[in-house]
Amino acid sequence: MTVETEKVSQSPRPLTELSAYIFSTVVGITIVVYLLRGFGVLAFMPGGVIWLLVLLSVATGIIYGIVKNKRF
């Protein structure tokens, strides 16, 4: 008698993990750029770039929330 085991290492929702990775990366980059600009290291960077990063963080957060709450 042999017992077959299921593969539990495979993720049932790779899209959720990918969107979470993208969201956390964008938020991390936004925080680092914001802090470096505040400390004067990236003082040459225009404020529009900061706004773009913040809006990108919000957009990826919304996408992550939608993907995470899919029921299929």
Protein backbone atom coordinates (compact mmCIF):
# COMPACT_ATOMS: atom_id res chain seq x y z
CA MET A 1 0.00 0.00 0.00
CA THR A 2 1.35 3.36 -0.96
CA VAL A 3 0.02 6.62 0.27
CA GLU A 4 0.03 9.47 -2.20
CA THR A 5 0.51 12.88 -0.72
CA GLU A 6 -0.71 16.09 -2.20
CA LYS A 7 1.68 18.84 -3.05
CA VAL A 8 1.15 21.42 -0.36
CA SER A 9 4.07 23.56 -1.45
CA GLN A 10 2.20 24.96 -4.42
CA SER A 11 0.41 28.18 -3.74
CA PRO A 12 -3.26 28.19 -4.69
CA ARG A 13 -3.15 31.91 -5.43
CA PRO A 14 0.12 32.99 -7.05
CA LEU A 15 -1.51 36.18 -8.35
CA THR A 16 -2.23 37.26 -4.77
CA GLU A 17 1.39 36.72 -3.77
CA LEU A 18 2.62 38.61 -6.83
CA SER A 19 0.35 41.57 -6.18
CA ALA A 20 1.38 41.62 -2.51
CA TYR A 21 5.04 41.61 -3.54
CA ILE A 22 4.51 44.46 -6.02
CA PHE A 23 2.51 46.47 -3.46
CA SER A 24 5.10 46.08 -0.71
CA THR A 25 7.94 46.92 -3.11
CA VAL A 26 6.25 50.10 -4.33
CA VAL A 27 5.42 51.20 -0.77
CA GLY A 28 9.00 50.49 0.31
CA ILE A 29 10.45 52.51 -2.55
CA THR A 30 8.04 55.35 -1.81
CA ILE A 31 9.04 55.47 1.86
CA VAL A 32 12.76 55.35 1.07
CA VAL A 33 12.53 58.10 -1.57
CA TYR A 34 10.38 60.25 0.71
CA LEU A 35 12.80 59.92 3.62
CA LEU A 36 15.90 60.52 1.48
CA ARG A 37 14.30 63.60 -0.03
CA GLY A 38 13.42 64.85 3.45
CA PHE A 39 17.00 64.37 4.63
CA GLY A 40 18.26 66.29 1.62
CA VAL A 41 19.97 63.41 -0.14
CA LEU A 42 17.49 63.50 -3.01
CA ALA A 43 16.72 67.22 -2.77
CA PHE A 44 16.92 67.59 -6.54
CA MET A 45 13.91 65.31 -7.04
CA PRO A 46 10.72 67.19 -7.91
CA GLY A 47 7.63 66.82 -5.76
CA GLY A 48 5.70 65.36 -8.69
CA VAL A 49 7.77 62.21 -8.44
CA ILE A 50 6.75 61.81 -4.81
CA TRP A 51 3.10 62.29 -5.74
CA LEU A 52 3.46 59.75 -8.54
CA LEU A 53 4.94 57.19 -6.13
CA VAL A 54 2.20 57.81 -3.56
CA LEU A 55 -0.53 57.42 -6.19
CA LEU A 56 1.17 54.28 -7.50
CA SER A 57 1.22 52.90 -3.95
CA VAL A 58 -2.49 53.60 -3.54
CA ALA A 59 -3.30 52.04 -6.92
CA THR A 60 -1.31 48.88 -6.23
CA GLY A 61 -2.92 48.66 -2.79
CA ILE A 62 -6.37 48.79 -4.35
CA ILE A 63 -5.40 46.17 -6.91
CA TYR A 64 -3.99 43.95 -4.16
CA GLY A 65 -7.21 44.30 -2.17
CA ILE A 66 -9.32 43.35 -5.18
CA VAL A 67 -7.14 40.36 -6.07
CA LYS A 68 -7.02 39.17 -2.45
CA ASN A 69 -10.81 39.22 -2.12
CA LYS A 70 -11.56 37.23 -5.27
CA ARG A 71 -13.70 34.24 -4.48
CA PHE A 72 -12.61 31.92 -7.28
